[in-house]
Protein backbone atom coordinates (compact mmCIF):
# COMPACT_ATOMS: atom_id res chain seq x y z
CA UNK A 1 192.66 188.63 77.89
CA UNK A 2 194.17 185.68 79.69
CA UNK A 3 197.27 183.99 78.29
CA UNK A 4 197.71 180.27 78.90
CA UNK A 5 201.13 178.66 78.58
CA UNK A 6 201.01 175.01 77.59
CA UNK A 7 203.41 172.41 76.17
CA UNK A 8 203.15 169.87 73.35
CA UNK A 9 199.55 168.79 72.92
CA UNK A 10 200.61 165.25 72.09
CA UNK A 11 202.17 164.79 75.54
CA UNK A 12 201.06 167.41 78.05
CA UNK A 13 198.15 166.10 80.07
CA UNK A 14 198.56 168.86 82.67
CA UNK A 15 198.24 171.53 79.96
CA UNK A 16 195.06 169.95 78.59
CA UNK A 17 193.09 170.47 81.79
CA UNK A 18 192.87 174.30 81.96
CA UNK A 19 192.96 174.61 78.17
CA UNK A 20 189.89 172.39 77.79
CA UNK A 21 188.15 173.94 80.78
CA UNK A 22 188.45 177.40 79.28
CA UNK A 23 187.48 176.26 75.79
CA UNK A 24 184.39 174.35 76.91
CA UNK A 25 183.18 177.09 79.27
CA UNK A 26 183.71 179.87 76.73
CA UNK A 27 186.51 181.77 78.49
CA UNK A 28 188.64 183.61 75.94
CA UNK A 29 192.40 183.20 76.15
CA UNK A 30 195.57 183.42 74.09
CA UNK A 31 197.36 180.10 73.73
CA UNK A 32 201.13 180.18 74.15
CA UNK A 33 202.72 176.84 73.34
CA UNK A 34 206.21 176.19 74.69
CA UNK A 35 207.68 173.01 73.25
CA UNK A 36 209.38 170.38 75.39
CA UNK A 37 213.02 170.42 74.38
CA UNK A 38 215.87 168.01 74.88
CA UNK A 39 216.87 167.46 78.50
CA UNK A 40 215.41 169.71 81.17
CA UNK A 41 212.94 172.46 80.29
CA UNK A 42 213.17 174.04 83.72
CA UNK A 43 215.21 177.12 82.81
CA UNK A 44 213.16 177.95 79.71
CA UNK A 45 209.82 177.38 81.44
CA UNK A 46 210.92 179.51 84.40
CA UNK A 47 210.64 182.52 82.10
CA UNK A 48 206.84 182.33 82.47
CA UNK A 49 206.20 179.91 85.35
CA UNK A 50 207.65 180.11 88.87
CA UNK A 51 207.61 176.31 89.10
CA UNK A 52 209.33 175.85 85.76
CA UNK A 53 206.36 173.74 84.65
CA UNK A 54 203.21 174.03 82.55
CA UNK A 55 200.45 175.08 82.61
CA UNK A 56 200.67 178.69 83.69
CA UNK A 57 197.92 181.30 83.37
CA UNK A 58 198.82 184.96 82.95
CA UNK A 59 196.20 187.54 83.93
CA UNK A 60 197.67 191.01 83.60
CA UNK A 61 200.51 191.18 86.10
CA UNK A 62 199.39 187.98 87.88
CA UNK A 63 200.71 184.50 87.18
CA UNK A 64 198.80 181.44 88.34
CA UNK A 65 200.54 178.10 88.00
CA UNK A 66 199.34 174.52 88.54
CA UNK A 67 196.17 173.24 86.89
CA UNK A 68 194.12 173.04 90.09
CA UNK A 69 195.11 176.54 91.16
CA UNK A 70 194.16 177.82 87.71
CA UNK A 71 190.71 176.22 87.98
CA UNK A 72 190.12 177.80 91.37
CA UNK A 73 191.35 181.18 90.16
CA UNK A 74 188.99 181.08 87.19
CA UNK A 75 186.12 180.08 89.47
CA UNK A 76 186.50 183.36 91.34
CA UNK A 77 185.66 185.33 88.19
CA UNK A 78 183.55 183.00 86.03
CA UNK A 79 180.40 181.00 86.66
CA UNK A 80 180.23 177.36 85.66
CA UNK A 81 183.76 176.28 86.55
CA UNK A 82 182.34 174.17 89.37
CA UNK A 83 178.74 172.94 89.76
CA UNK A 84 176.28 175.38 91.31
CA UNK A 85 174.81 172.73 93.62
CA UNK A 86 176.76 172.55 96.89
CA UNK A 87 176.82 168.75 97.14
CA UNK A 88 177.82 168.35 93.50
CA UNK A 89 180.48 171.02 93.91
CA UNK A 90 181.97 169.29 96.97
CA UNK A 91 182.05 165.95 95.14
CA UNK A 92 183.54 167.51 92.00
CA UNK A 93 186.30 169.25 93.94
CA UNK A 94 187.11 166.03 95.80
CA UNK A 95 187.22 163.97 92.61
CA UNK A 96 189.36 166.56 90.82
CA UNK A 97 191.76 166.73 93.76
CA UNK A 98 192.03 162.94 93.79
CA UNK A 99 192.97 163.01 90.11
CA UNK A 100 195.41 165.84 90.69
CA UNK A 101 197.32 164.04 93.45
CA UNK A 102 196.73 160.38 92.71
CA UNK A 103 196.72 157.60 90.11
CA UNK A 104 200.51 157.59 89.88
CA UNK A 105 200.69 154.07 88.47
CA UNK A 106 198.45 154.98 85.54
CA UNK A 107 200.42 158.17 84.91
CA UNK A 108 203.75 156.33 84.98
CA UNK A 109 202.81 153.35 82.85
CA UNK A 110 200.46 155.09 80.43
CA UNK A 111 201.92 158.50 79.71
CA UNK A 112 199.80 160.69 77.45
CA UNK A 113 200.77 160.27 73.81
CA UNK A 114 197.67 161.17 71.81
CA UNK A 115 198.83 160.09 68.37
CA UNK A 116 199.92 156.54 69.17
CA UNK A 117 198.13 153.27 69.80
CA UNK A 118 200.03 151.04 72.20
CA UNK A 119 199.67 147.47 73.42
CA UNK A 120 201.09 147.21 76.92
CA UNK A 121 203.43 144.32 77.66
CA UNK A 122 201.24 143.75 80.72
CA UNK A 123 198.79 145.71 82.84
CA UNK A 124 200.39 145.99 86.30
CA UNK A 125 198.04 145.44 89.24
CA UNK A 126 198.63 149.02 90.41
CA UNK A 127 197.40 150.31 87.04
CA UNK A 128 194.40 147.99 87.16
CA UNK A 129 193.61 149.32 90.64
CA UNK A 130 193.80 152.91 89.39
CA UNK A 131 191.43 152.05 86.54
CA UNK A 132 188.98 150.40 88.92
CA UNK A 133 188.93 153.49 91.10
CA UNK A 134 188.46 155.82 88.12
CA UNK A 135 185.67 153.61 86.83
CA UNK A 136 184.03 153.70 90.27
CA UNK A 137 184.34 157.50 90.46
CA UNK A 138 182.91 158.04 87.01
CA UNK A 139 179.95 155.74 87.61
CA UNK A 140 179.29 157.34 90.99
CA UNK A 141 179.24 160.88 89.58
CA UNK A 142 177.11 159.96 86.57
CA UNK A 143 174.59 158.08 88.71
CA UNK A 144 174.46 160.50 91.62
CA UNK A 145 174.17 163.71 89.62
CA UNK A 146 172.34 162.45 86.56
CA UNK A 147 174.95 163.03 83.84
CA UNK A 148 175.82 163.38 81.09
CA UNK A 149 178.89 164.88 82.81
CA UNK A 150 180.46 163.80 86.08
CA UNK A 151 178.74 166.36 88.29
CA UNK A 152 175.55 167.00 86.37
CA UNK A 153 174.29 168.28 83.05
CA UNK A 154 177.16 170.73 82.39
CA UNK A 155 180.85 170.29 81.71
CA UNK A 156 182.83 171.55 84.70
CA UNK A 157 186.38 171.44 86.04
CA UNK A 158 186.09 167.85 87.25
CA UNK A 159 185.47 166.72 83.66
CA UNK A 160 188.50 168.70 82.50
CA UNK A 161 190.67 166.98 85.10
CA UNK A 162 189.72 163.53 83.83
CA UNK A 163 189.95 164.43 80.12
CA UNK A 164 193.59 163.23 79.83
CA UNK A 165 192.45 159.82 81.12
CA UNK A 166 190.14 159.55 78.10
CA UNK A 167 193.14 160.03 75.80
CA UNK A 168 195.13 157.47 77.79
CA UNK A 169 192.31 154.94 77.50
CA UNK A 170 192.21 155.52 73.75
CA UNK A 171 195.98 155.21 73.31
CA UNK A 172 196.44 152.07 75.41
CA UNK A 173 193.11 150.36 74.79
CA UNK A 174 192.31 150.27 78.50
CA UNK A 175 189.10 148.45 79.39
CA UNK A 176 186.43 149.96 81.64
CA UNK A 177 182.75 149.38 82.32
CA UNK A 178 180.15 150.24 79.65
CA UNK A 179 179.07 153.31 81.64
CA UNK A 180 182.63 154.58 81.96
CA UNK A 181 183.34 153.80 78.29
CA UNK A 182 180.33 155.87 77.24
CA UNK A 183 181.57 158.80 79.33
CA UNK A 184 185.08 158.39 77.87
CA UNK A 185 183.62 158.61 74.37
CA UNK A 186 181.57 161.64 75.41
CA UNK A 187 184.75 163.41 76.49
CA UNK A 188 186.59 162.44 73.31
CA UNK A 189 183.72 163.85 71.27
CA UNK A 190 183.77 167.32 72.82
CA UNK A 191 184.69 170.08 70.34
CA UNK A 192 187.65 171.12 72.46
CA UNK A 193 188.94 167.56 72.72
CA UNK A 194 188.63 167.02 68.96
CA UNK A 195 190.49 170.29 68.37
CA UNK A 196 193.27 169.33 70.82
CA UNK A 197 193.59 165.86 69.28
CA UNK A 198 193.91 167.12 65.71
CA UNK A 199 196.53 169.66 66.79
CA UNK A 200 198.40 166.91 68.65
CA UNK A 201 198.47 164.73 65.53
CA UNK A 202 199.83 167.64 63.47
CA UNK A 203 202.79 168.24 65.79
CA UNK A 204 206.16 167.08 64.50
CA UNK A 205 208.09 167.66 67.74
CA UNK A 206 209.28 164.54 69.50
CA UNK A 207 210.50 164.35 73.08
CA UNK A 208 212.89 161.47 73.70
CA UNK A 209 211.83 160.96 77.30
CA UNK A 210 208.17 160.55 76.43
CA UNK A 211 208.97 158.29 73.49
CA UNK A 212 211.28 156.09 75.57
CA UNK A 213 208.51 155.58 78.13
CA UNK A 214 206.34 154.02 75.44
CA UNK A 215 209.07 151.61 74.40
CA UNK A 216 209.58 150.57 78.01
CA UNK A 217 205.94 149.76 78.78
CA UNK A 218 204.55 148.52 75.49
CA UNK A 219 204.62 148.13 71.72
CA UNK A 220 203.35 150.74 69.27
CA UNK A 221 200.65 149.24 67.06
CA UNK A 222 199.71 152.44 65.18
CA UNK A 223 201.13 155.92 64.75
CA UNK A 224 198.71 158.62 63.59
CA UNK A 225 201.10 161.54 64.03
CA UNK A 226 202.46 163.71 61.25
CA UNK A 227 206.08 163.38 60.15
């Protein structure tokens, strides 16, 4: 059985991607949660990940790190990771890669913190531009491939890559078009997403760096976390 190393569910958007992909496509795995500690986690995380980062997938004597690499590795052995249709698959890979390498303003200003509700001091133009592009991508995929998921009628890797954005939209109250909002709610309603969210709320670990980011960019209006 695969083993998947992840970090705190409240914070770790990168961990969510392969975790949700495997849960929603029915791939069995053992979850190994390694908590963010004070200061740098590099040395501790190097014990299971060559990059010193999460996620990392262990398959026997093989280690696959980075969420996009994990998705591609799984696609070699399991159907349904990417769409079967060639055009949909090309679009899905492009959209997932854009998420993987882009949207830095949204990531910086709106770090994933599932259990909080935050009012931003302001929405920087760079964040607004990221949201417009995500909205455009979501509407394009839903329209072009018929929905209810981004590349067709089945959940695939491209949906997993945008799942953390749904949590960010929920936390920060970010506005998008009605079509994008409906897709956001569809993601939040997935069994795997509900499971992740409840586990995130139950966590009592706090990472100072992630918490300080919130205080810098906005004001907490609600805290649903335990402890």
